[in-house]
């Protein structure tokens, strides 16, 4: 029961606070400039497309229990992650810089 509540709390907080801003503005912080992921659901590759590549961004992927399963950085407009060996299920993709965090959900088939 505790795991279900933790998972539910994690999902709610990820969606409710998918963008945290310090008050300064740049194009990554503008909600119209969110990153995109495809395909969703994914079988082998998860493609991440950024609205701009003005700076290096931190990329993290978490499983439903909150365990980080991937950590890296994005320096280009489009990147891919090989998810072939990941277990099927729901994952959260977090892209962040020093000022903001954006989170999206994807399903691994």
PDB file of N, CA and C in Angstrom:
ATOM      1  N   UNK A   1       0.819  -1.184   0.000  1.00  0.00           N
ATOM      2  CA  UNK A   1       0.000   0.000   0.000  1.00  0.00           C
ATOM      3  C   UNK A   1       0.866   1.253   0.000  1.00  0.00           C
ATOM      4  N   UNK A   2       1.974   1.215   0.759  1.00  0.00           N
ATOM      5  CA  UNK A   2       2.858   2.368   0.819  1.00  0.00           C
ATOM      6  C   UNK A   2       3.474   2.662  -0.545  1.00  0.00           C
ATOM      7  N   UNK A   3       3.806   1.618  -1.293  1.00  0.00           N
ATOM      8  CA  UNK A   3       4.400   1.803  -2.623  1.00  0.00           C
ATOM      9  C   UNK A   3       3.392   2.450  -3.559  1.00  0.00           C
ATOM     10  N   UNK A   4       2.137   2.022  -3.488  1.00  0.00           N
ATOM     11  CA  UNK A   4       1.097   2.617  -4.333  1.00  0.00           C
ATOM     12  C   UNK A   4       0.909   4.090  -4.004  1.00  0.00           C
ATOM     13  N   UNK A   5       0.902   4.431  -2.713  1.00  0.00           N
ATOM     14  CA  UNK A   5       0.760   5.827  -2.313  1.00  0.00           C
ATOM     15  C   UNK A   5       1.970   6.643  -2.741  1.00  0.00           C
ATOM     16  N   UNK A   6       3.160   6.079  -2.612  1.00  0.00           N
ATOM     17  CA  UNK A   6       4.374   6.755  -3.049  1.00  0.00           C
ATOM     18  C   UNK A   6       4.340   6.997  -4.549  1.00  0.00           C
ATOM     19  N   UNK A   7       3.933   5.993  -5.308  1.00  0.00           N
ATOM     20  CA  UNK A   7       3.838   6.121  -6.758  1.00  0.00           C
ATOM     21  C   UNK A   7       2.821   7.185  -7.140  1.00  0.00           C
ATOM     22  N   UNK A   8       1.648   7.156  -6.517  1.00  0.00           N
ATOM     23  CA  UNK A   8       0.609   8.132  -6.807  1.00  0.00           C
ATOM     24  C   UNK A   8       1.089   9.540  -6.475  1.00  0.00           C
ATOM     25  N   UNK A   9       1.733   9.692  -5.348  1.00  0.00           N
ATOM     26  CA  UNK A   9       2.272  10.986  -4.945  1.00  0.00           C
ATOM     27  C   UNK A   9       3.324  11.475  -5.933  1.00  0.00           C
ATOM     28  N   UNK A  10       4.179  10.567  -6.391  1.00  0.00           N
ATOM     29  CA  UNK A  10       5.230  10.908  -7.357  1.00  0.00           C
ATOM     30  C   UNK A  10       4.615  11.378  -8.668  1.00  0.00           C
ATOM     31  N   UNK A  11       3.614  10.667  -9.169  1.00  0.00           N
ATOM     32  CA  UNK A  11       2.965  11.057 -10.419  1.00  0.00           C
ATOM     33  C   UNK A  11       2.256  12.397 -10.294  1.00  0.00           C
ATOM     34  N   UNK A  12       1.546  12.593  -9.191  1.00  0.00           N
ATOM     35  CA  UNK A  12       0.842  13.862  -8.997  1.00  0.00           C
ATOM     36  C   UNK A  12       1.825  15.013  -8.943  1.00  0.00           C
ATOM     37  N   UNK A  13       2.902  14.849  -8.202  1.00  0.00           N
ATOM     38  CA  UNK A  13       3.877  15.935  -8.111  1.00  0.00           C
ATOM     39  C   UNK A  13       4.575  16.166  -9.443  1.00  0.00           C
ATOM     40  N   UNK A  14       4.823  15.114 -10.202  1.00  0.00           N
ATOM     41  CA  UNK A  14       5.473  15.270 -11.503  1.00  0.00           C
ATOM     42  C   UNK A  14       4.590  16.049 -12.466  1.00  0.00           C
ATOM     43  N   UNK A  15       3.306  15.762 -12.461  1.00  0.00           N
ATOM     44  CA  UNK A  15       2.395  16.477 -13.360  1.00  0.00           C
ATOM     45  C   UNK A  15       2.062  17.872 -12.841  1.00  0.00           C
ATOM     46  N   UNK A  16       1.884  17.998 -11.536  1.00  0.00           N
ATOM     47  CA  UNK A  16       1.507  19.288 -10.979  1.00  0.00           C
ATOM     48  C   UNK A  16       2.631  20.310 -11.067  1.00  0.00           C
ATOM     49  N   UNK A  17       3.839  19.822 -10.937  1.00  0.00           N
ATOM     50  CA  UNK A  17       4.985  20.729 -10.932  1.00  0.00           C
ATOM     51  C   UNK A  17       5.931  20.422 -12.070  1.00  0.00           C
ATOM     52  N   UNK A  18       5.377  20.156 -13.238  1.00  0.00           N
ATOM     53  CA  UNK A  18       6.211  19.792 -14.370  1.00  0.00           C
ATOM     54  C   UNK A  18       7.095  20.926 -14.833  1.00  0.00           C
ATOM     55  N   UNK A  19       6.783  22.127 -14.371  1.00  0.00           N
ATOM     56  CA  UNK A  19       7.663  23.237 -14.716  1.00  0.00           C
ATOM     57  C   UNK A  19       7.842  24.108 -13.489  1.00  0.00           C
ATOM     58  N   UNK A  20       9.076  24.223 -13.033  1.00  0.00           N
ATOM     59  CA  UNK A  20       9.411  25.043 -11.893  1.00  0.00           C
ATOM     60  C   UNK A  20      10.346  26.131 -12.392  1.00  0.00           C
ATOM     61  N   UNK A  21      10.013  27.375 -12.103  1.00  0.00           N
ATOM     62  CA  UNK A  21      10.784  28.484 -12.647  1.00  0.00           C
ATOM     63  C   UNK A  21      11.258  29.389 -11.533  1.00  0.00           C
ATOM     64  N   UNK A  22      12.411  29.981 -11.706  1.00  0.00           N
ATOM     65  CA  UNK A  22      12.948  30.907 -10.719  1.00  0.00           C
ATOM     66  C   UNK A  22      12.510  32.336 -10.979  1.00  0.00           C
ATOM     67  N   UNK A  23      11.708  32.561 -11.997  1.00  0.00           N
ATOM     68  CA  UNK A  23      11.264  33.910 -12.309  1.00  0.00           C
ATOM     69  C   UNK A  23      11.989  34.510 -13.494  1.00  0.00           C
ATOM     70  N   UNK A  24      13.186  34.028 -13.792  1.00  0.00           N
ATOM     71  CA  UNK A  24      13.892  34.484 -14.971  1.00  0.00           C
ATOM     72  C   UNK A  24      13.332  33.732 -16.162  1.00  0.00           C
ATOM     73  N   UNK A  25      13.371  34.359 -17.324  1.00  0.00           N
ATOM     74  CA  UNK A  25      12.786  33.704 -18.485  1.00  0.00           C
ATOM     75  C   UNK A  25      13.834  33.423 -19.543  1.00  0.00           C
ATOM     76  N   UNK A  26      13.700  32.273 -20.135  1.00  0.00           N
ATOM     77  CA  UNK A  26      14.433  31.943 -21.355  1.00  0.00           C
ATOM     78  C   UNK A  26      13.532  31.011 -22.137  1.00  0.00           C
ATOM     79  N   UNK A  27      13.899  30.643 -23.325  1.00  0.00           N
ATOM     80  CA  UNK A  27      12.985  29.897 -24.179  1.00  0.00           C
ATOM     81  C   UNK A  27      12.670  28.509 -23.641  1.00  0.00           C
ATOM     82  N   UNK A  28      13.565  27.884 -22.876  1.00  0.00           N
ATOM     83  CA  UNK A  28      13.264  26.565 -22.323  1.00  0.00           C
ATOM     84  C   UNK A  28      12.167  26.662 -21.270  1.00  0.00           C
ATOM     85  N   UNK A  29      12.103  27.774 -20.548  1.00  0.00           N
ATOM     86  CA  UNK A  29      11.120  27.926 -19.490  1.00  0.00           C
ATOM     87  C   UNK A  29       9.735  28.255 -20.012  1.00  0.00           C
ATOM     88  N   UNK A  30       9.618  28.752 -21.213  1.00  0.00           N
ATOM     89  CA  UNK A  30       8.325  29.090 -21.784  1.00  0.00           C
ATOM     90  C   UNK A  30       7.535  27.804 -22.002  1.00  0.00           C
ATOM     91  N   UNK A  31       6.326  27.711 -21.443  1.00  0.00           N
ATOM     92  CA  UNK A  31       5.568  26.465 -21.532  1.00  0.00           C
ATOM     93  C   UNK A  31       5.257  26.067 -22.965  1.00  0.00           C
ATOM     94  N   UNK A  32       5.256  27.004 -23.895  1.00  0.00           N
ATOM     95  CA  UNK A  32       5.007  26.645 -25.285  1.00  0.00           C
ATOM     96  C   UNK A  32       6.223  25.966 -25.898  1.00  0.00           C
ATOM     97  N   UNK A  33       7.362  26.025 -25.212  1.00  0.00           N
ATOM     98  CA  UNK A  33       8.595  25.435 -25.713  1.00  0.00           C
ATOM     99  C   UNK A  33       8.980  24.188 -24.933  1.00  0.00           C
ATOM    100  N   UNK A  34       8.037  23.303 -24.692  1.00  0.00           N
ATOM    101  CA  UNK A  34       8.334  22.079 -23.973  1.00  0.00           C
ATOM    102  C   UNK A  34       9.042  21.080 -24.885  1.00  0.00           C
ATOM    103  N   UNK A  35       9.795  20.186 -24.279  1.00  0.00           N
ATOM    104  CA  UNK A  35      10.418  19.122 -25.052  1.00  0.00           C
ATOM    105  C   UNK A  35       9.352  18.100 -25.423  1.00  0.00           C
ATOM    106  N   UNK A  36       9.624  17.312 -26.447  1.00  0.00           N
ATOM    107  CA  UNK A  36       8.687  16.264 -26.861  1.00  0.00           C
ATOM    108  C   UNK A  36       9.396  14.922 -26.853  1.00  0.00           C
ATOM    109  N   UNK A  37       8.614  13.858 -26.619  1.00  0.00           N
ATOM    110  CA  UNK A  37       9.146  12.503 -26.677  1.00  0.00           C
ATOM    111  C   UNK A  37       8.288  11.687 -27.633  1.00  0.00           C
ATOM    112  N   UNK A  38       8.944  10.780 -28.343  1.00  0.00           N
ATOM    113  CA  UNK A  38       8.235   9.899 -29.278  1.00  0.00           C
ATOM    114  C   UNK A  38       9.114   8.684 -29.544  1.00  0.00           C
ATOM    115  N   UNK A  39       8.593   7.572 -29.963  1.00  0.00           N
ATOM    116  CA  UNK A  39       7.169   7.243 -29.941  1.00  0.00           C
ATOM    117  C   UNK A  39       6.741   6.978 -28.508  1.00  0.00           C
ATOM    118  N   UNK A  40       5.478   7.039 -28.282  1.00  0.00           N
ATOM    119  CA  UNK A  40       4.949   6.761 -26.956  1.00  0.00           C
ATOM    120  C   UNK A  40       3.656   5.983 -27.125  1.00  0.00           C
ATOM    121  N   UNK A  41       3.653   4.701 -26.874  1.00  0.00           N
ATOM    122  CA  UNK A  41       4.667   3.877 -26.205  1.00  0.00           C
ATOM    123  C   UNK A  41       5.871   3.560 -27.097  1.00  0.00           C
ATOM    124  N   UNK A  42       6.996   3.256 -26.453  1.00  0.00           N
ATOM    125  CA  UNK A  42       8.239   2.948 -27.156  1.00  0.00           C
ATOM    126  C   UNK A  42       8.633   1.493 -26.921  1.00  0.00           C
ATOM    127  N   UNK A  43       9.251   0.887 -27.925  1.00  0.00           N
ATOM    128  CA  UNK A  43       9.742  -0.487 -27.795  1.00  0.00           C
ATOM    129  C   UNK A  43      11.261  -0.541 -27.678  1.00  0.00           C
ATOM    130  N   UNK A  44      11.956   0.218 -28.541  1.00  0.00           N
ATOM    131  CA  UNK A  44      13.410   0.118 -28.565  1.00  0.00           C
ATOM    132  C   UNK A  44      14.121   1.464 -28.417  1.00  0.00           C
ATOM    133  N   UNK A  45      13.576   2.514 -28.994  1.00  0.00           N
ATOM    134  CA  UNK A  45      14.211   3.830 -28.951  1.00  0.00           C
ATOM    135  C   UNK A  45      13.210   4.857 -28.440  1.00  0.00           C
ATOM    136  N   UNK A  46      13.677   5.751 -27.577  1.00  0.00           N
ATOM    137  CA  UNK A  46      12.892   6.893 -27.141  1.00  0.00           C
ATOM    138  C   UNK A  46      13.571   8.131 -27.693  1.00  0.00           C
ATOM    139  N   UNK A  47      12.868   8.873 -28.530  1.00  0.00           N
ATOM    140  CA  UNK A  47      13.415  10.075 -29.154  1.00  0.00           C
ATOM    141  C   UNK A  47      12.975  11.299 -28.364  1.00  0.00           C
ATOM    142  N   UNK A  48      13.927  12.186 -28.096  1.00  0.00           N
ATOM    143  CA  UNK A  48      13.662  13.403 -27.340  1.00  0.00           C
ATOM    144  C   UNK A  48      14.020  14.584 -28.223  1.00  0.00           C
ATOM    145  N   UNK A  49      13.071  15.486 -28.378  1.00  0.00           N
ATOM    146  CA  UNK A  49      13.280  16.660 -29.216  1.00  0.00           C
ATOM    147  C   UNK A  49      13.130  17.908 -28.356  1.00  0.00           C
ATOM    148  N   UNK A  50      14.143  18.772 -28.402  1.00  0.00           N
ATOM    149  CA  UNK A  50      14.137  20.007 -27.630  1.00  0.00           C
ATOM    150  C   UNK A  50      13.667  21.175 -28.490  1.00  0.00           C
ATOM    151  N   UNK A  51      13.075  22.190 -27.866  1.00  0.00           N
ATOM    152  CA  UNK A  51      12.657  23.367 -28.623  1.00  0.00           C
ATOM    153  C   UNK A  51      13.842  24.206 -29.081  1.00  0.00           C
ATOM    154  N   UNK A  52      14.961  24.150 -28.343  1.00  0.00           N
ATOM    155  CA  UNK A  52      16.185  24.866 -28.701  1.00  0.00           C
ATOM    156  C   UNK A  52      17.358  24.157 -28.046  1.00  0.00           C
ATOM    157  N   UNK A  53      18.533  24.500 -28.461  1.00  0.00           N
ATOM    158  CA  UNK A  53      19.740  23.874 -27.895  1.00  0.00           C
ATOM    159  C   UNK A  53      20.739  24.938 -27.483  1.00  0.00           C
ATOM    160  N   UNK A  54      20.246  25.962 -26.787  1.00  0.00           N
ATOM    161  CA  UNK A  54      21.107  27.060 -26.358  1.00  0.00           C
ATOM    162  C   UNK A  54      22.045  26.661 -25.222  1.00  0.00           C
ATOM    163  N   UNK A  55      21.704  25.608 -24.512  1.00  0.00           N
ATOM    164  CA  UNK A  55      22.493  25.202 -23.360  1.00  0.00           C
ATOM    165  C   UNK A  55      22.413  23.685 -23.179  1.00  0.00           C
ATOM    166  N   UNK A  56      23.347  23.146 -22.407  1.00  0.00           N
ATOM    167  CA  UNK A  56      23.298  21.726 -22.076  1.00  0.00           C
ATOM    168  C   UNK A  56      22.198  21.512 -21.042  1.00  0.00           C
ATOM    169  N   UNK A  57      21.398  20.488 -21.246  1.00  0.00           N
ATOM    170  CA  UNK A  57      20.325  20.171 -20.320  1.00  0.00           C
ATOM    171  C   UNK A  57      20.554  18.796 -19.716  1.00  0.00           C
ATOM    172  N   UNK A  58      20.153  18.639 -18.479  1.00  0.00           N
ATOM    173  CA  UNK A  58      20.266  17.377 -17.763  1.00  0.00           C
ATOM    174  C   UNK A  58      19.058  16.512 -18.110  1.00  0.00           C
ATOM    175  N   UNK A  59      19.296  15.248 -18.401  1.00  0.00           N
ATOM    176  CA  UNK A  59      18.231  14.298 -18.739  1.00  0.00           C
ATOM    177  C   UNK A  59      18.262  13.147 -17.748  1.00  0.00           C
ATOM    178  N   UNK A  60      17.111  12.864 -17.136  1.00  0.00           N
ATOM    179  CA  UNK A  60      16.990  11.749 -16.216  1.00  0.00           C
ATOM    180  C   UNK A  60      15.697  11.008 -16.518  1.00  0.00           C
ATOM    181  N   UNK A  61      15.714   9.695 -16.348  1.00  0.00           N
ATOM    182  CA  UNK A  61      14.515   8.876 -16.514  1.00  0.00           C
ATOM    183  C   UNK A  61      14.341   8.067 -15.238  1.00  0.00           C
ATOM    184  N   UNK A  62      13.093   8.058 -14.725  1.00  0.00           N
ATOM    185  CA  UNK A  62      12.767   7.367 -13.483  1.00  0.00           C
ATOM    186  C   UNK A  62      11.697   6.312 -13.741  1.00  0.00           C
ATOM    187  N   UNK A  63      11.788   5.195 -13.022  1.00  0.00           N
ATOM    188  CA  UNK A  63      10.716   4.194 -13.107  1.00  0.00           C
ATOM    189  C   UNK A  63       9.586   4.605 -12.164  1.00  0.00           C
ATOM    190  N   UNK A  64       8.531   3.804 -12.101  1.00  0.00           N
ATOM    191  CA  UNK A  64       7.359   4.165 -11.304  1.00  0.00           C
ATOM    192  C   UNK A  64       7.633   4.190  -9.804  1.00  0.00           C
ATOM    193  N   UNK A  65       8.691   3.551  -9.373  1.00  0.00           N
ATOM    194  CA  UNK A  65       9.046   3.567  -7.953  1.00  0.00           C
ATOM    195  C   UNK A  65       9.951   4.739  -7.601  1.00  0.00           C
ATOM    196  N   UNK A  66      10.301   5.556  -8.600  1.00  0.00           N
ATOM    197  CA  UNK A  66      11.154   6.715  -8.356  1.00  0.00           C
ATOM    198  C   UNK A  66      12.634   6.430  -8.498  1.00  0.00           C
ATOM    199  N   UNK A  67      12.993   5.232  -8.908  1.00  0.00           N
ATOM    200  CA  UNK A  67      14.397   4.876  -9.097  1.00  0.00           C
ATOM    201  C   UNK A  67      14.882   5.431 -10.431  1.00  0.00           C
ATOM    202  N   UNK A  68      16.014   6.126 -10.399  1.00  0.00           N
ATOM    203  CA  UNK A  68      16.575   6.667 -11.627  1.00  0.00           C
ATOM    204  C   UNK A  68      17.199   5.530 -12.431  1.00  0.00           C
ATOM    205  N   UNK A  69      16.737   5.362 -13.671  1.00  0.00           N
ATOM    206  CA  UNK A  69      17.225   4.291 -14.530  1.00  0.00           C
ATOM    207  C   UNK A  69      18.127   4.824 -15.631  1.00  0.00           C
ATOM    208  N   UNK A  70      18.168   6.138 -15.803  1.00  0.00           N
ATOM    209  CA  UNK A  70      19.024   6.736 -16.832  1.00  0.00           C
ATOM    210  C   UNK A  70      19.397   8.146 -16.406  1.00  0.00           C
ATOM    211  N   UNK A  71      20.648   8.507 -16.648  1.00  0.00           N
ATOM    212  CA  UNK A  71      21.118   9.865 -16.375  1.00  0.00           C
ATOM    213  C   UNK A  71      22.066  10.260 -17.494  1.00  0.00           C
ATOM    214  N   UNK A  72      21.864  11.446 -18.039  1.00  0.00           N
ATOM    215  CA  UNK A  72      22.726  11.924 -19.108  1.00  0.00           C
ATOM    216  C   UNK A  72      22.497  13.404 -19.332  1.00  0.00           C
ATOM    217  N   UNK A  73      23.019  13.894 -20.435  1.00  0.00           N
ATOM    218  CA  UNK A  73      22.796  15.292 -20.789  1.00  0.00           C
ATOM    219  C   UNK A  73      22.434  15.370 -22.264  1.00  0.00           C
ATOM    220  N   UNK A  74      21.756  16.449 -22.601  1.00  0.00           N
ATOM    221  CA  UNK A  74      21.357  16.681 -23.984  1.00  0.00           C
ATOM    222  C   UNK A  74      22.036  17.965 -24.445  1.00  0.00           C
ATOM    223  N   UNK A  75      22.733  17.875 -25.569  1.00  0.00           N
ATOM    224  CA  UNK A  75      23.425  19.042 -26.103  1.00  0.00           C
ATOM    225  C   UNK A  75      22.965  19.383 -27.509  1.00  0.00           C
ATOM    226  N   UNK A  76      22.035  18.603 -28.051  1.00  0.00           N
ATOM    227  CA  UNK A  76      21.552  18.831 -29.402  1.00  0.00           C
ATOM    228  C   UNK A  76      20.030  18.839 -29.415  1.00  0.00           C
ATOM    229  N   UNK A  77      19.451  19.301 -30.516  1.00  0.00           N
ATOM    230  CA  UNK A  77      17.997  19.423 -30.599  1.00  0.00           C
ATOM    231  C   UNK A  77      17.278  18.083 -30.529  1.00  0.00           C
ATOM    232  N   UNK A  78      17.884  17.018 -31.057  1.00  0.00           N
ATOM    233  CA  UNK A  78      17.256  15.703 -31.032  1.00  0.00           C
ATOM    234  C   UNK A  78      18.241  14.666 -30.510  1.00  0.00           C
ATOM    235  N   UNK A  79      17.763  13.833 -29.594  1.00  0.00           N
ATOM    236  CA  UNK A  79      18.562  12.757 -29.019  1.00  0.00           C
ATOM    237  C   UNK A  79      17.706  11.511 -28.905  1.00  0.00           C
ATOM    238  N   UNK A  80      18.356  10.362 -28.768  1.00  0.00           N
ATOM    239  CA  UNK A  80      17.648   9.097 -28.608  1.00  0.00           C
ATOM    240  C   UNK A  80      18.260   8.304 -27.467  1.00  0.00           C
ATOM    241  N   UNK A  81      17.411   7.547 -26.793  1.00  0.00           N
ATOM    242  CA  UNK A  81      17.845   6.646 -25.728  1.00  0.00           C
ATOM    243  C   UNK A  81      17.416   5.242 -26.122  1.00  0.00           C
ATOM    244  N   UNK A  82      18.339   4.294 -26.014  1.00  0.00           N
ATOM    245  CA  UNK A  82      18.017   2.898 -26.277  1.00  0.00           C
ATOM    246  C   UNK A  82      17.322   2.330 -25.042  1.00  0.00           C
ATOM    247  N   UNK A  83      16.051   1.938 -25.191  1.00  0.00           N
ATOM    248  CA  UNK A  83      15.273   1.399 -24.074  1.00  0.00           C
ATOM    249  C   UNK A  83      14.943  -0.080 -24.265  1.00  0.00           C
ATOM    250  N   UNK A  84      15.618  -0.719 -25.192  1.00  0.00           N
ATOM    251  CA  UNK A  84      15.337  -2.112 -25.524  1.00  0.00           C
ATOM    252  C   UNK A  84      15.379  -3.025 -24.299  1.00  0.00           C
ATOM    253  N   UNK A  85      16.356  -2.859 -23.442  1.00  0.00           N
ATOM    254  CA  UNK A  85      16.537  -3.751 -22.299  1.00  0.00           C
ATOM    255  C   UNK A  85      15.780  -3.322 -21.050  1.00  0.00           C
ATOM    256  N   UNK A  86      15.021  -2.249 -21.117  1.00  0.00           N
ATOM    257  CA  UNK A  86      14.249  -1.803 -19.964  1.00  0.00           C
ATOM    258  C   UNK A  86      12.995  -2.655 -19.819  1.00  0.00           C
ATOM    259  N   UNK A  87      12.520  -2.809 -18.591  1.00  0.00           N
ATOM    260  CA  UNK A  87      11.289  -3.542 -18.336  1.00  0.00           C
ATOM    261  C   UNK A  87      10.098  -2.751 -18.870  1.00  0.00           C
ATOM    262  N   UNK A  88       9.061  -3.456 -19.276  1.00  0.00           N
ATOM    263  CA  UNK A  88       7.830  -2.801 -19.716  1.00  0.00           C
ATOM    264  C   UNK A  88       7.204  -2.063 -18.538  1.00  0.00           C
ATOM    265  N   UNK A  89       6.655  -0.892 -18.819  1.00  0.00           N
ATOM    266  CA  UNK A  89       6.004  -0.125 -17.765  1.00  0.00           C
ATOM    267  C   UNK A  89       6.022   1.358 -18.039  1.00  0.00           C
ATOM    268  N   UNK A  90       5.676   2.121 -17.019  1.00  0.00           N
ATOM    269  CA  UNK A  90       5.594   3.576 -17.111  1.00  0.00           C
ATOM    270  C   UNK A  90       6.885   4.185 -16.573  1.00  0.00           C
ATOM    271  N   UNK A  91       7.399   5.189 -17.278  1.00  0.00           N
ATOM    272  CA  UNK A  91       8.609   5.900 -16.886  1.00  0.00           C
ATOM    273  C   UNK A  91       8.361   7.404 -16.965  1.00  0.00           C
ATOM    274  N   UNK A  92       9.104   8.165 -16.184  1.00  0.00           N
ATOM    275  CA  UNK A  92       9.043   9.617 -16.234  1.00  0.00           C
ATOM    276  C   UNK A  92      10.365  10.146 -16.757  1.00  0.00           C
ATOM    277  N   UNK A  93      10.290  11.011 -17.756  1.00  0.00           N
ATOM    278  CA  UNK A  93      11.462  11.626 -18.367  1.00  0.00           C
ATOM    279  C   UNK A  93      11.544  13.052 -17.861  1.00  0.00           C
ATOM    280  N   UNK A  94      12.665  13.406 -17.253  1.00  0.00           N
ATOM    281  CA  UNK A  94      12.847  14.742 -16.694  1.00  0.00           C
ATOM    282  C   UNK A  94      13.991  15.447 -17.426  1.00  0.00           C
ATOM    283  N   UNK A  95      13.692  16.616 -17.959  1.00  0.00           N
ATOM    284  CA  UNK A  95      14.702  17.466 -18.593  1.00  0.00           C
ATOM    285  C   UNK A  95      14.792  18.734 -17.754  1.00  0.00           C
ATOM    286  N   UNK A  96      16.021  19.125 -17.379  1.00  0.00           N
ATOM    287  CA  UNK A  96      16.155  20.281 -16.490  1.00  0.00           C
ATOM    288  C   UNK A  96      17.416  21.072 -16.794  1.00  0.00           C
ATOM    289  N   UNK A  97      17.397  22.308 -16.328  1.00  0.00           N
ATOM    290  CA  UNK A  97      18.590  23.146 -16.295  1.00  0.00           C
ATOM    291  C   UNK A  97      18.635  23.772 -14.906  1.00  0.00           C
ATOM    292  N   UNK A  98      19.417  24.821 -14.716  1.00  0.00           N
ATOM    293  CA  UNK A  98      19.531  25.427 -13.390  1.00  0.00           C
ATOM    294  C   UNK A  98      18.260  26.142 -12.953  1.00  0.00           C
ATOM    295  N   UNK A  99      17.377  26.447 -13.892  1.00  0.00           N
ATOM    296  CA  UNK A  99      16.219  27.281 -13.585  1.00  0.00           C
ATOM    297  C   UNK A  99      14.884  26.570 -13.657  1.00  0.00           C
ATOM    298  N   UNK A 100      14.797  25.478 -14.383  1.00  0.00           N
ATOM    299  CA  UNK A 100      13.494  24.859 -14.601  1.00  0.00           C
ATOM    300  C   UNK A 100      13.600  23.349 -14.764  1.00  0.00           C
ATOM    301  N   UNK A 101      12.476  22.688 -14.525  1.00  0.00           N
ATOM    302  CA  UNK A 101      12.372  21.237 -14.689  1.00  0.00           C
ATOM    303  C   UNK A 101      11.093  20.950 -15.463  1.00  0.00           C
ATOM    304  N   UNK A 102      11.200  20.090 -16.459  1.00  0.00           N
ATOM    305  CA  UNK A 102      10.021  19.628 -17.184  1.00  0.00           C
ATOM    306  C   UNK A 102      10.020  18.103 -17.148  1.00  0.00           C
ATOM    307  N   UNK A 103       8.836  17.530 -16.918  1.00  0.00           N
ATOM    308  CA  UNK A 103       8.703  16.085 -16.798  1.00  0.00           C
ATOM    309  C   UNK A 103       7.584  15.594 -17.703  1.00  0.00           C
ATOM    310  N   UNK A 104       7.848  14.498 -18.388  1.00  0.00           N
ATOM    311  CA  UNK A 104       6.836  13.859 -19.235  1.00  0.00           C
ATOM    312  C   UNK A 104       6.848  12.359 -18.953  1.00  0.00           C
ATOM    313  N   UNK A 105       5.728  11.733 -19.213  1.00  0.00           N
ATOM    314  CA  UNK A 105       5.557  10.303 -18.979  1.00  0.00           C
ATOM    315  C   UNK A 105       5.661   9.558 -20.307  1.00  0.00           C
ATOM    316  N   UNK A 106       6.271   8.371 -20.271  1.00  0.00           N
ATOM    317  CA  UNK A 106       6.226   7.492 -21.442  1.00  0.00           C
ATOM    318  C   UNK A 106       6.066   6.054 -21.001  1.00  0.00           C
ATOM    319  N   UNK A 107       5.582   5.261 -21.911  1.00  0.00           N
ATOM    320  CA  UNK A 107       5.347   3.840 -21.634  1.00  0.00           C
ATOM    321  C   UNK A 107       6.314   3.011 -22.476  1.00  0.00           C
ATOM    322  N   UNK A 108       7.008   2.097 -21.818  1.00  0.00           N
ATOM    323  CA  UNK A 108       7.890   1.146 -22.491  1.00  0.00           C
ATOM    324  C   UNK A 108       7.093  -0.135 -22.720  1.00  0.00           C
ATOM    325  N   UNK A 109       6.962  -0.551 -23.964  1.00  0.00           N
ATOM    326  CA  UNK A 109       6.239  -1.792 -24.286  1.00  0.00           C
ATOM    327  C   UNK A 109       7.137  -2.995 -24.118  1.00  0.00           C
TER     328      UNK A 109
END
